[in-house]
Amino acid sequence: MQNPICTHLDHIHNVKPSANGCEDCLKIGATWVHLRECLECGHVGCCDDSPNRHATKHFHATKHPIIRSAERGESWKFCFIDQVMWE
């Protein structure tokens, strides 16, 4: 069996993080658990373990498919559409 692959690699761009924390949580004064960065536009959002799940909400609003962990020491990426995670 082959490993699943991401078919959206062309959406990865050289982006700069939009904030030094979850951009949306910072606007509303909320807290987050872990940070994710959109590799299409640089939006920094909170993970699904966070109360507001801003990274996933960003995907649903924009259809930007690939995020990366913005946590120190982590280098994985995830494609929402293909449901594939890789290093």
Protein backbone atom coordinates (compact mmCIF):
# COMPACT_ATOMS: atom_id res chain seq x y z
CA MET A 1 0.00 0.00 0.00
CA GLN A 2 1.34 3.45 -0.90
CA ASN A 3 1.49 6.29 1.60
CA PRO A 4 -1.12 8.97 0.94
CA ILE A 5 0.30 12.11 -0.66
CA CYS A 6 -0.69 15.74 -0.66
CA THR A 7 -1.87 16.94 -4.07
CA HIS A 8 -1.78 20.64 -3.09
CA LEU A 9 1.96 21.30 -2.79
CA ASP A 10 1.62 24.13 -5.33
CA HIS A 11 -0.19 26.09 -2.59
CA ILE A 12 2.97 26.32 -0.48
CA HIS A 13 4.52 29.78 -0.61
CA ASN A 14 7.36 31.55 1.17
CA VAL A 15 5.19 33.34 3.74
CA LYS A 16 5.79 35.44 6.83
CA PRO A 17 3.74 34.76 9.99
CA SER A 18 0.84 37.19 10.35
CA ALA A 19 1.29 37.53 14.13
CA ASN A 20 3.37 36.42 17.12
CA GLY A 21 0.46 34.32 18.33
CA CYS A 22 -2.98 33.32 17.08
CA GLU A 23 -3.97 36.37 15.04
CA ASP A 24 -7.68 35.94 15.77
CA CYS A 25 -7.29 35.14 19.47
CA LEU A 26 -5.12 38.22 19.91
CA LYS A 27 -7.93 40.34 18.41
CA ILE A 28 -10.54 39.02 20.86
CA GLY A 29 -8.35 38.51 23.93
CA ALA A 30 -8.64 34.72 23.88
CA THR A 31 -6.01 32.08 24.66
CA TRP A 32 -4.70 29.20 22.57
CA VAL A 33 -2.89 25.89 23.03
CA HIS A 34 -0.71 25.47 19.92
CA LEU A 35 -0.12 27.56 16.80
CA ARG A 36 -0.43 26.66 13.12
CA GLU A 37 0.69 28.74 10.13
CA CYS A 38 -1.05 28.75 6.76
CA LEU A 39 1.54 28.09 4.07
CA GLU A 40 -0.46 29.93 1.44
CA CYS A 41 -0.85 33.31 3.17
CA GLY A 42 1.00 33.18 6.54
CA HIS A 43 -2.10 33.42 8.75
CA VAL A 44 -1.26 32.17 12.26
CA GLY A 45 -4.16 30.41 13.93
CA CYS A 46 -4.71 28.19 16.94
CA CYS A 47 -4.99 24.40 16.78
CA ASP A 48 -8.10 22.28 17.22
CA ASP A 49 -7.21 21.67 20.89
CA SER A 50 -7.69 25.41 21.42
CA PRO A 51 -11.18 26.70 22.26
CA ASN A 52 -11.58 28.72 19.04
CA ARG A 53 -9.89 26.45 16.47
CA HIS A 54 -8.87 29.40 14.32
CA ALA A 55 -6.51 27.48 12.00
CA THR A 56 -9.33 25.18 10.88
CA LYS A 57 -11.74 28.12 10.63
CA HIS A 58 -9.19 29.87 8.40
CA PHE A 59 -9.12 26.82 6.10
CA HIS A 60 -12.93 26.73 5.86
CA ALA A 61 -13.09 30.47 5.11
CA THR A 62 -10.26 30.57 2.55
CA LYS A 63 -9.78 26.99 1.32
CA HIS A 64 -6.01 27.42 1.84
CA PRO A 65 -5.18 23.71 2.24
CA ILE A 66 -1.80 23.42 3.96
CA ILE A 67 -0.67 24.42 7.43
CA ARG A 68 2.52 23.80 9.35
CA SER A 69 3.13 23.62 13.04
CA ALA A 70 4.38 26.96 14.33
CA GLU A 71 5.63 25.34 17.52
CA ARG A 72 9.35 25.31 18.32
CA GLY A 73 10.90 21.92 17.60
CA GLU A 74 8.08 20.74 15.30
CA SER A 75 8.40 20.60 11.52
CA TRP A 76 5.29 18.76 10.33
CA LYS A 77 2.81 19.98 7.72
CA PHE A 78 -0.84 19.00 7.20
CA CYS A 79 -3.15 19.19 4.20
CA PHE A 80 -6.79 19.69 5.21
CA ILE A 81 -8.13 18.53 1.84
CA ASP A 82 -6.08 15.34 1.47
CA GLN A 83 -5.96 14.72 5.25
CA VAL A 84 -2.22 13.99 5.02
CA MET A 85 0.49 14.91 7.53
CA TRP A 86 4.20 14.84 6.72
CA GLU A 87 7.58 16.14 7.88
